[in-house]
Amino acid sequence: MPYTQDIVEELNILARYNLTTTLEGIKVHKTATPETIAATHRLFEKGLLSHEDGGYLTNLGRKTAEQAQAVLDILSPTQNLF
């Protein structure tokens, strides 16, 4: 199954989280793009975020964000695998 635009937007939200601490969340303001607001709401509904407008990662959210950020690191054009 290929990535849908909704999934890409959700991954972009998860990529914004600082995984070096559990004491830092994010806040998606009402002035954000409608796509960002919708993606954040979907992540909340899926149980990955503590609040509809961002907040903190849940345990499942943290695991998902770790994997999402790892994929981005691997696929980054600056990543040297060889």
C-alpha atoms as a PDB file:
ATOM      1  CA  MET A   1       0.000   0.000   0.000  1.00  0.00           C
ATOM      2  CA  PRO A   2       1.540   3.351  -0.980  1.00  0.00           C
ATOM      3  CA  TYR A   3       1.601   6.323   1.368  1.00  0.00           C
ATOM      4  CA  THR A   4      -1.469   8.528   1.071  1.00  0.00           C
ATOM      5  CA  GLN A   5      -1.248  12.294   1.459  1.00  0.00           C
ATOM      6  CA  ASP A   6      -2.977  11.974   4.855  1.00  0.00           C
ATOM      7  CA  ILE A   7      -0.304   9.538   6.068  1.00  0.00           C
ATOM      8  CA  VAL A   8       2.484  11.783   4.798  1.00  0.00           C
ATOM      9  CA  GLU A   9       0.967  14.704   6.708  1.00  0.00           C
ATOM     10  CA  GLU A  10       0.732  12.584   9.865  1.00  0.00           C
ATOM     11  CA  LEU A  11       4.350  11.486   9.474  1.00  0.00           C
ATOM     12  CA  ASN A  12       5.365  15.137   9.128  1.00  0.00           C
ATOM     13  CA  ILE A  13       3.678  15.891  12.467  1.00  0.00           C
ATOM     14  CA  LEU A  14       5.444  12.964  14.142  1.00  0.00           C
ATOM     15  CA  ALA A  15       8.767  14.153  12.718  1.00  0.00           C
ATOM     16  CA  ARG A  16       8.401  17.426  14.639  1.00  0.00           C
ATOM     17  CA  TYR A  17       8.600  15.774  18.045  1.00  0.00           C
ATOM     18  CA  ASN A  18      11.847  15.921  20.001  1.00  0.00           C
ATOM     19  CA  LEU A  19      12.485  12.319  21.004  1.00  0.00           C
ATOM     20  CA  THR A  20      15.331  13.142  23.377  1.00  0.00           C
ATOM     21  CA  THR A  21      12.815  14.118  26.085  1.00  0.00           C
ATOM     22  CA  THR A  22       9.304  13.191  27.147  1.00  0.00           C
ATOM     23  CA  LEU A  23       8.772  16.639  28.677  1.00  0.00           C
ATOM     24  CA  GLU A  24       8.406  18.478  25.371  1.00  0.00           C
ATOM     25  CA  GLY A  25       5.274  18.451  23.251  1.00  0.00           C
ATOM     26  CA  ILE A  26       3.973  20.491  20.361  1.00  0.00           C
ATOM     27  CA  LYS A  27       1.035  22.857  19.944  1.00  0.00           C
ATOM     28  CA  VAL A  28      -0.709  23.155  16.584  1.00  0.00           C
ATOM     29  CA  HIS A  29      -2.343  26.570  16.493  1.00  0.00           C
ATOM     30  CA  LYS A  30      -5.599  27.403  14.739  1.00  0.00           C
ATOM     31  CA  THR A  31      -3.556  29.438  12.230  1.00  0.00           C
ATOM     32  CA  ALA A  32      -1.812  26.256  10.987  1.00  0.00           C
ATOM     33  CA  THR A  33      -2.765  24.871   7.614  1.00  0.00           C
ATOM     34  CA  PRO A  34      -6.015  22.898   7.512  1.00  0.00           C
ATOM     35  CA  GLU A  35      -3.993  19.821   6.511  1.00  0.00           C
ATOM     36  CA  THR A  36      -1.758  20.117   9.585  1.00  0.00           C
ATOM     37  CA  ILE A  37      -4.728  20.607  11.890  1.00  0.00           C
ATOM     38  CA  ALA A  38      -6.522  17.602  10.368  1.00  0.00           C
ATOM     39  CA  ALA A  39      -3.406  15.404  10.588  1.00  0.00           C
ATOM     40  CA  THR A  40      -2.931  16.294  14.247  1.00  0.00           C
ATOM     41  CA  HIS A  41      -6.568  15.506  14.974  1.00  0.00           C
ATOM     42  CA  ARG A  42      -6.264  12.114  13.231  1.00  0.00           C
ATOM     43  CA  LEU A  43      -3.176  11.256  15.276  1.00  0.00           C
ATOM     44  CA  PHE A  44      -5.102  12.128  18.445  1.00  0.00           C
ATOM     45  CA  GLU A  45      -8.017   9.931  17.352  1.00  0.00           C
ATOM     46  CA  LYS A  46      -5.579   7.078  16.702  1.00  0.00           C
ATOM     47  CA  GLY A  47      -4.249   7.409  20.247  1.00  0.00           C
ATOM     48  CA  LEU A  48      -0.808   8.708  19.306  1.00  0.00           C
ATOM     49  CA  LEU A  49      -1.155  12.205  20.799  1.00  0.00           C
ATOM     50  CA  SER A  50      -2.448  13.366  24.171  1.00  0.00           C
ATOM     51  CA  HIS A  51      -4.506  16.299  22.809  1.00  0.00           C
ATOM     52  CA  GLU A  52      -6.367  17.172  19.620  1.00  0.00           C
ATOM     53  CA  ASP A  53      -4.016  20.106  19.014  1.00  0.00           C
ATOM     54  CA  GLY A  54      -0.814  18.139  19.626  1.00  0.00           C
ATOM     55  CA  GLY A  55       0.347  17.883  23.187  1.00  0.00           C
ATOM     56  CA  TYR A  56       2.583  14.989  24.108  1.00  0.00           C
ATOM     57  CA  LEU A  57       3.186  11.660  22.459  1.00  0.00           C
ATOM     58  CA  THR A  58       1.458   8.683  24.042  1.00  0.00           C
ATOM     59  CA  ASN A  59       3.474   5.477  24.455  1.00  0.00           C
ATOM     60  CA  LEU A  60       2.206   4.290  21.075  1.00  0.00           C
ATOM     61  CA  GLY A  61       2.860   7.726  19.608  1.00  0.00           C
ATOM     62  CA  ARG A  62       6.446   7.710  20.831  1.00  0.00           C
ATOM     63  CA  LYS A  63       7.106   4.283  19.288  1.00  0.00           C
ATOM     64  CA  THR A  64       5.535   5.428  16.034  1.00  0.00           C
ATOM     65  CA  ALA A  65       7.470   8.711  15.999  1.00  0.00           C
ATOM     66  CA  GLU A  66      10.732   6.828  16.623  1.00  0.00           C
ATOM     67  CA  GLN A  67      10.057   4.620  13.614  1.00  0.00           C
ATOM     68  CA  ALA A  68       8.924   7.529  11.440  1.00  0.00           C
ATOM     69  CA  GLN A  69      12.023   9.542  12.288  1.00  0.00           C
ATOM     70  CA  ALA A  70      14.252   6.525  11.680  1.00  0.00           C
ATOM     71  CA  VAL A  71      12.793   6.105   8.190  1.00  0.00           C
ATOM     72  CA  LEU A  72      13.420   9.797   7.483  1.00  0.00           C
ATOM     73  CA  ASP A  73      17.005   9.468   8.690  1.00  0.00           C
ATOM     74  CA  ILE A  74      17.616   6.481   6.437  1.00  0.00           C
ATOM     75  CA  LEU A  75      16.021   8.095   3.389  1.00  0.00           C
ATOM     76  CA  SER A  76      17.663  11.474   3.951  1.00  0.00           C
ATOM     77  CA  PRO A  77      19.848  12.522   1.014  1.00  0.00           C
ATOM     78  CA  THR A  78      22.686  13.203   3.471  1.00  0.00           C
ATOM     79  CA  GLN A  79      22.576   9.657   4.842  1.00  0.00           C
ATOM     80  CA  ASN A  80      25.603   7.633   3.761  1.00  0.00           C
ATOM     81  CA  LEU A  81      24.848   3.929   3.968  1.00  0.00           C
ATOM     82  CA  PHE A  82      27.839   2.683   1.983  1.00  0.00           C
END
